[in-house]
Structure formats: structure tokens, C-alpha cells
C-alpha atoms as a PDB file:
ATOM      1  CA  MET A   1     -12.838   7.306  -7.077  1.00  0.00           C
ATOM      2  CA  LEU A   2     -11.746   9.863  -4.406  1.00  0.00           C
ATOM      3  CA  ILE A   3      -8.110   8.786  -3.659  1.00  0.00           C
ATOM      4  CA  ASN A   4      -5.007  10.549  -4.846  1.00  0.00           C
ATOM      5  CA  GLU A   5      -1.170  10.118  -4.334  1.00  0.00           C
ATOM      6  CA  GLN A   6      -1.136  12.244  -1.311  1.00  0.00           C
ATOM      7  CA  ASP A   7      -3.777  10.139   0.374  1.00  0.00           C
ATOM      8  CA  ILE A   8      -1.862   6.977  -0.467  1.00  0.00           C
ATOM      9  CA  MET A   9       1.416   8.404   0.859  1.00  0.00           C
ATOM     10  CA  ARG A  10      -0.347   9.462   4.147  1.00  0.00           C
ATOM     11  CA  ILE A  11      -1.793   5.962   4.548  1.00  0.00           C
ATOM     12  CA  LEU A  12       1.553   4.381   3.751  1.00  0.00           C
ATOM     13  CA  GLN A  13       3.280   6.489   6.317  1.00  0.00           C
ATOM     14  CA  GLU A  14       0.615   5.633   8.918  1.00  0.00           C
ATOM     15  CA  HIS A  15       1.137   1.917   8.229  1.00  0.00           C
ATOM     16  CA  ASP A  16       4.831   2.066   7.847  1.00  0.00           C
ATOM     17  CA  ILE A  17       4.744  -1.766   7.093  1.00  0.00           C
ATOM     18  CA  GLU A  18       8.457  -2.001   6.796  1.00  0.00           C
ATOM     19  CA  GLY A  19       9.262   0.097   9.802  1.00  0.00           C
ATOM     20  CA  TYR A  20      11.505   2.435   8.008  1.00  0.00           C
ATOM     21  CA  LEU A  21       9.954   5.514   9.357  1.00  0.00           C
ATOM     22  CA  SER A  22      10.113   4.392  12.812  1.00  0.00           C
ATOM     23  CA  LEU A  23      13.801   3.842  12.269  1.00  0.00           C
ATOM     24  CA  GLY A  24      14.181   7.563  11.224  1.00  0.00           C
ATOM     25  CA  ALA A  25      13.803   7.390   7.454  1.00  0.00           C
ATOM     26  CA  PRO A  26      12.575  10.591   5.658  1.00  0.00           C
ATOM     27  CA  LEU A  27       8.707  10.908   5.274  1.00  0.00           C
ATOM     28  CA  ASP A  28       9.008  10.562   1.587  1.00  0.00           C
ATOM     29  CA  GLU A  29      10.506   6.889   2.008  1.00  0.00           C
ATOM     30  CA  TYR A  30       7.283   5.421   0.360  1.00  0.00           C
ATOM     31  CA  GLU A  31       6.898   8.029  -2.358  1.00  0.00           C
ATOM     32  CA  ARG A  32       7.828   5.506  -5.216  1.00  0.00           C
ATOM     33  CA  GLU A  33       5.283   3.039  -3.741  1.00  0.00           C
ATOM     34  CA  ALA A  34       2.622   5.697  -3.500  1.00  0.00           C
ATOM     35  CA  LYS A  35       2.824   6.455  -7.226  1.00  0.00           C
ATOM     36  CA  SER A  36       2.835   2.905  -8.297  1.00  0.00           C
ATOM     37  CA  ILE A  37      -0.053   1.954  -5.944  1.00  0.00           C
ATOM     38  CA  PHE A  38      -2.013   5.111  -7.385  1.00  0.00           C
ATOM     39  CA  SER A  39      -1.400   3.817 -10.846  1.00  0.00           C
ATOM     40  CA  PHE A  40      -2.829   0.497 -10.269  1.00  0.00           C
ATOM     41  CA  VAL A  41      -5.887   1.477  -8.081  1.00  0.00           C
ATOM     42  CA  LYS A  42      -6.836   3.905 -10.835  1.00  0.00           C
ATOM     43  CA  GLU A  43      -7.043   1.042 -13.220  1.00  0.00           C
ATOM     44  CA  ASP A  44      -8.886  -1.552 -11.185  1.00  0.00           C
ATOM     45  CA  GLY A  45     -11.969   0.401 -10.195  1.00  0.00           C
ATOM     46  CA  ARG A  46     -14.196  -1.175  -7.388  1.00  0.00           C
ATOM     47  CA  ASP A  47     -12.595  -4.655  -7.095  1.00  0.00           C
ATOM     48  CA  PHE A  48     -11.190  -4.888  -3.650  1.00  0.00           C
ATOM     49  CA  GLN A  49      -9.760  -8.448  -4.152  1.00  0.00           C
ATOM     50  CA  THR A  50      -7.698  -7.345  -7.269  1.00  0.00           C
ATOM     51  CA  TRP A  51      -6.413  -4.267  -5.248  1.00  0.00           C
ATOM     52  CA  LEU A  52      -5.268  -6.687  -2.369  1.00  0.00           C
ATOM     53  CA  GLU A  53      -3.598  -9.068  -4.751  1.00  0.00           C
ATOM     54  CA  LYS A  54      -1.734  -6.526  -6.795  1.00  0.00           C
ATOM     55  CA  LEU A  55      -0.679  -4.784  -3.614  1.00  0.00           C
ATOM     56  CA  GLU A  56       0.676  -8.120  -2.180  1.00  0.00           C
ATOM     57  CA  VAL A  57       2.642  -8.908  -5.478  1.00  0.00           C
ATOM     58  CA  PHE A  58       3.825  -5.253  -5.709  1.00  0.00           C
ATOM     59  CA  TRP A  59       5.103  -5.145  -2.100  1.00  0.00           C
ATOM     60  CA  ALA A  60       6.945  -8.375  -2.428  1.00  0.00           C
ATOM     61  CA  LEU A  61       8.705  -7.157  -5.571  1.00  0.00           C
ATOM     62  CA  SER A  62       9.388  -3.715  -4.307  1.00  0.00           C
ATOM     63  CA  PHE A  63      10.962  -5.031  -1.106  1.00  0.00           C
ATOM     64  CA  ASP A  64      12.535  -8.098  -2.480  1.00  0.00           C
ATOM     65  CA  LEU A  65      10.481 -10.397   0.011  1.00  0.00           C
ATOM     66  CA  SER A  66      10.459 -14.057   0.158  1.00  0.00           C
ATOM     67  CA  LYS A  67       7.186 -15.987   0.311  1.00  0.00           C
ATOM     68  CA  GLU A  68       7.605 -16.343   4.023  1.00  0.00           C
ATOM     69  CA  GLU A  69       8.488 -12.666   4.566  1.00  0.00           C
ATOM     70  CA  LEU A  70       5.321 -11.624   2.305  1.00  0.00           C
ATOM     71  CA  ASN A  71       3.177 -13.990   4.566  1.00  0.00           C
ATOM     72  CA  LEU A  72       4.299 -12.243   7.640  1.00  0.00           C
ATOM     73  CA  ARG A  73       3.033  -8.957   6.099  1.00  0.00           C
ATOM     74  CA  LYS A  74      -0.256 -10.049   4.751  1.00  0.00           C
ATOM     75  CA  PRO A  75      -2.281  -8.991   7.744  1.00  0.00           C
ATOM     76  CA  ASN A  76      -0.689  -5.482   7.575  1.00  0.00           C
ATOM     77  CA  LEU A  77      -1.232  -5.415   3.798  1.00  0.00           C
ATOM     78  CA  LEU A  78      -4.783  -6.278   4.153  1.00  0.00           C
ATOM     79  CA  HIS A  79      -5.277  -3.349   6.711  1.00  0.00           C
ATOM     80  CA  LEU A  80      -3.357  -1.031   4.385  1.00  0.00           C
ATOM     81  CA  ALA A  81      -5.658  -2.109   1.357  1.00  0.00           C
ATOM     82  CA  GLU A  82      -8.813  -1.640   3.579  1.00  0.00           C
ATOM     83  CA  ASP A  83      -7.787   1.886   4.320  1.00  0.00           C
ATOM     84  CA  LEU A  84      -6.798   2.660   0.860  1.00  0.00           C
ATOM     85  CA  TRP A  85     -10.296   1.431  -0.200  1.00  0.00           C
ATOM     86  CA  ASP A  86     -12.216   3.399   2.513  1.00  0.00           C
ATOM     87  CA  VAL A  87     -10.535   6.553   1.304  1.00  0.00           C
ATOM     88  CA  ALA A  88     -11.047   5.711  -2.189  1.00  0.00           C
ATOM     89  CA  PHE A  89     -14.835   5.183  -1.751  1.00  0.00           C
ATOM     90  CA  GLU A  90     -15.411   7.052   1.483  1.00  0.00           C
ATOM     91  CA  ASN A  91     -16.746   3.956   3.318  1.00  0.00           C
END
């Protein structure tokens, strides 16, 4: 696996799913999320569906999202997971 915390942070910043950076939050806004995501992607190897499912659960808990709020973000979380996967495995 070729991904590290800095790569994850960069991808999170690019996606800015919660829109915090576009509202002027500091660039380290997603640092806690990057660390947590890095820990679970290291554990789950080459199973994209597991990555996506864990990402969705993690995101909902991290941002205290209702089921409806999470459903609104699922397309963006899918794109985030795809970008993480591409960097991790150089697709």
C-alpha cells in the first residue's frame, strides 16, 4: 500500500465534504480524520467495499450525522474512497 497520512489529508482537503475549508477553516481541519482513516485503511488491505463501509460509518460518527445527512454525503464519500484507493494502489 502506497498511501500515507499526508496523502489522506490532501485528499480530504480536496474533497472538503463538510465544506469547512471553503468557509475558511484552517487546512488542518481534517487532521483527526486523516489519522483515523489511515489506521483503518492499513488494516483492511485490498478490500474496497470494506474501506467504503468503514469510511461511511466513521464519517457519520465523526460529524454526528443523521441517517439522512449521511445519505446526502454518500456520493461524495464514494468519490473520496475511490481517490484514496487510487493513491493507495496507484490505479
